[in-house]
């Protein structure tokens, strides 16, 4: 088994364990991660628009 497969198996087991022991905590972490990802995407798109606007 390669290290990548082992890591994926451990990740799935960890998330599964977390889902059954603390589903509210997993949901809160997922929500926070999605919110942070969306915020970073907005910052990136704003920076790209500003950059392209400055080229004109």
N, C-alpha and C. Protein backbone atom coordinates (compact mmCIF):
# COMPACT_ATOMS: atom_id res chain seq x y z
N UNK A 1 0.85 -1.18 0.00
CA UNK A 1 0.00 0.00 0.00
C UNK A 1 0.89 1.24 0.00
N UNK A 2 0.63 2.13 -0.90
CA UNK A 2 1.45 3.33 -0.98
C UNK A 2 1.08 4.29 0.15
N UNK A 3 1.95 5.25 0.36
CA UNK A 3 1.72 6.21 1.43
C UNK A 3 0.47 7.05 1.14
N UNK A 4 0.23 7.34 -0.13
CA UNK A 4 -0.94 8.14 -0.48
C UNK A 4 -2.24 7.40 -0.14
N UNK A 5 -2.30 6.12 -0.47
CA UNK A 5 -3.48 5.33 -0.16
C UNK A 5 -3.67 5.21 1.34
N UNK A 6 -2.57 5.01 2.06
CA UNK A 6 -2.65 4.91 3.51
C UNK A 6 -3.17 6.20 4.13
N UNK A 7 -2.69 7.32 3.60
CA UNK A 7 -3.15 8.62 4.10
C UNK A 7 -4.64 8.80 3.84
N UNK A 8 -5.10 8.44 2.64
CA UNK A 8 -6.52 8.57 2.32
C UNK A 8 -7.40 7.69 3.22
N UNK A 9 -6.92 6.47 3.48
CA UNK A 9 -7.66 5.56 4.36
C UNK A 9 -7.74 6.15 5.77
N UNK A 10 -6.64 6.66 6.28
CA UNK A 10 -6.64 7.27 7.60
C UNK A 10 -7.55 8.49 7.65
N UNK A 11 -7.55 9.28 6.59
CA UNK A 11 -8.41 10.46 6.54
C UNK A 11 -9.88 10.07 6.56
N UNK A 12 -10.25 9.07 5.79
CA UNK A 12 -11.65 8.61 5.76
C UNK A 12 -12.05 8.04 7.12
N UNK A 13 -11.18 7.28 7.74
CA UNK A 13 -11.48 6.72 9.07
C UNK A 13 -11.63 7.85 10.09
N UNK A 14 -10.75 8.84 10.04
CA UNK A 14 -10.83 9.96 10.98
C UNK A 14 -12.12 10.74 10.81
N UNK A 15 -12.49 11.07 9.57
CA UNK A 15 -13.72 11.83 9.33
C UNK A 15 -14.94 11.00 9.72
N UNK A 16 -14.92 9.71 9.43
CA UNK A 16 -16.02 8.84 9.84
C UNK A 16 -16.16 8.78 11.35
N UNK A 17 -15.04 8.65 12.04
CA UNK A 17 -15.07 8.63 13.51
C UNK A 17 -15.61 9.95 14.05
N UNK A 18 -15.14 11.06 13.46
CA UNK A 18 -15.57 12.39 13.90
C UNK A 18 -17.06 12.56 13.64
N UNK A 19 -17.55 12.03 12.51
CA UNK A 19 -18.95 12.17 12.16
C UNK A 19 -19.85 11.46 13.17
N UNK A 20 -19.42 10.32 13.67
CA UNK A 20 -20.25 9.57 14.60
C UNK A 20 -20.08 10.03 16.04
N UNK A 21 -18.93 10.58 16.41
CA UNK A 21 -18.73 10.99 17.79
C UNK A 21 -19.12 12.44 18.05
N UNK A 22 -18.96 13.33 17.05
CA UNK A 22 -19.28 14.75 17.25
C UNK A 22 -19.78 15.35 15.94
N UNK A 23 -21.00 15.00 15.53
CA UNK A 23 -21.49 15.50 14.25
C UNK A 23 -21.66 17.02 14.22
N UNK A 24 -22.01 17.62 15.36
CA UNK A 24 -22.15 19.08 15.40
C UNK A 24 -20.80 19.76 15.21
N UNK A 25 -19.76 19.21 15.80
CA UNK A 25 -18.43 19.77 15.63
C UNK A 25 -17.94 19.65 14.20
N UNK A 26 -18.22 18.52 13.56
CA UNK A 26 -17.85 18.34 12.16
C UNK A 26 -18.60 19.32 11.28
N UNK A 27 -19.88 19.51 11.53
CA UNK A 27 -20.67 20.46 10.74
C UNK A 27 -20.16 21.88 10.93
N UNK A 28 -19.81 22.24 12.15
CA UNK A 28 -19.28 23.58 12.41
C UNK A 28 -17.93 23.78 11.71
N UNK A 29 -17.08 22.77 11.74
CA UNK A 29 -15.79 22.87 11.07
C UNK A 29 -15.96 22.97 9.56
N UNK A 30 -16.88 22.20 9.01
CA UNK A 30 -17.13 22.25 7.57
C UNK A 30 -17.68 23.61 7.16
N UNK A 31 -18.58 24.15 7.96
CA UNK A 31 -19.14 25.47 7.67
C UNK A 31 -18.07 26.54 7.74
N UNK A 32 -17.24 26.49 8.76
CA UNK A 32 -16.17 27.48 8.89
C UNK A 32 -15.18 27.37 7.73
N UNK A 33 -14.86 26.16 7.33
CA UNK A 33 -13.95 25.96 6.20
C UNK A 33 -14.54 26.48 4.90
N UNK A 34 -15.82 26.23 4.69
CA UNK A 34 -16.48 26.72 3.47
C UNK A 34 -16.55 28.24 3.48
N UNK A 35 -16.85 28.83 4.63
CA UNK A 35 -16.90 30.30 4.72
C UNK A 35 -15.54 30.91 4.43
N UNK A 36 -14.48 30.32 4.97
CA UNK A 36 -13.14 30.83 4.74
C UNK A 36 -12.74 30.68 3.28
N UNK A 37 -13.09 29.56 2.67
CA UNK A 37 -12.78 29.34 1.26
C UNK A 37 -13.49 30.36 0.39
N UNK A 38 -14.77 30.64 0.68
CA UNK A 38 -15.52 31.61 -0.09
C UNK A 38 -14.92 33.01 0.08
N UNK A 39 -14.51 33.35 1.28
CA UNK A 39 -13.89 34.65 1.53
C UNK A 39 -12.59 34.80 0.74
N UNK A 40 -11.77 33.76 0.73
CA UNK A 40 -10.53 33.80 -0.04
C UNK A 40 -10.79 33.89 -1.53
N UNK A 41 -11.82 33.20 -2.02
CA UNK A 41 -12.17 33.28 -3.44
C UNK A 41 -12.62 34.69 -3.80
N UNK A 42 -13.40 35.32 -2.94
CA UNK A 42 -13.83 36.70 -3.19
C UNK A 42 -12.63 37.64 -3.23
N UNK A 43 -11.69 37.47 -2.32
CA UNK A 43 -10.49 38.31 -2.31
C UNK A 43 -9.67 38.11 -3.57
N UNK A 44 -9.55 36.87 -4.02
CA UNK A 44 -8.81 36.57 -5.23
C UNK A 44 -9.46 37.23 -6.44
N UNK A 45 -10.78 37.07 -6.59
CA UNK A 45 -11.47 37.65 -7.73
C UNK A 45 -11.40 39.17 -7.71
N UNK A 46 -11.51 39.77 -6.54
CA UNK A 46 -11.39 41.22 -6.43
C UNK A 46 -9.99 41.68 -6.84
N UNK A 47 -8.98 40.95 -6.41
CA UNK A 47 -7.61 41.30 -6.78
C UNK A 47 -7.38 41.16 -8.29
N UNK A 48 -7.94 40.12 -8.89
CA UNK A 48 -7.80 39.94 -10.34
C UNK A 48 -8.51 41.07 -11.08
N UNK A 49 -9.72 41.44 -10.65
CA UNK A 49 -10.45 42.52 -11.30
C UNK A 49 -9.69 43.83 -11.16
N UNK A 50 -9.14 44.10 -9.97
CA UNK A 50 -8.35 45.33 -9.77
C UNK A 50 -7.11 45.33 -10.66
N UNK A 51 -6.46 44.18 -10.77
CA UNK A 51 -5.26 44.08 -11.60
C UNK A 51 -5.57 44.32 -13.07
N UNK A 52 -6.62 43.68 -13.55
CA UNK A 52 -7.00 43.85 -14.96
C UNK A 52 -7.46 45.30 -15.20
N UNK A 53 -8.17 45.87 -14.24
CA UNK A 53 -8.58 47.27 -14.36
C UNK A 53 -7.40 48.23 -14.38
N UNK A 54 -6.36 47.90 -13.67
CA UNK A 54 -5.17 48.76 -13.65
C UNK A 54 -4.38 48.66 -14.95
N UNK A 55 -4.55 47.59 -15.69
CA UNK A 55 -3.84 47.44 -16.97
C UNK A 55 -4.44 48.36 -18.04
N UNK A 56 -5.70 48.71 -17.89
CA UNK A 56 -6.37 49.54 -18.92
C UNK A 56 -5.91 50.96 -18.89
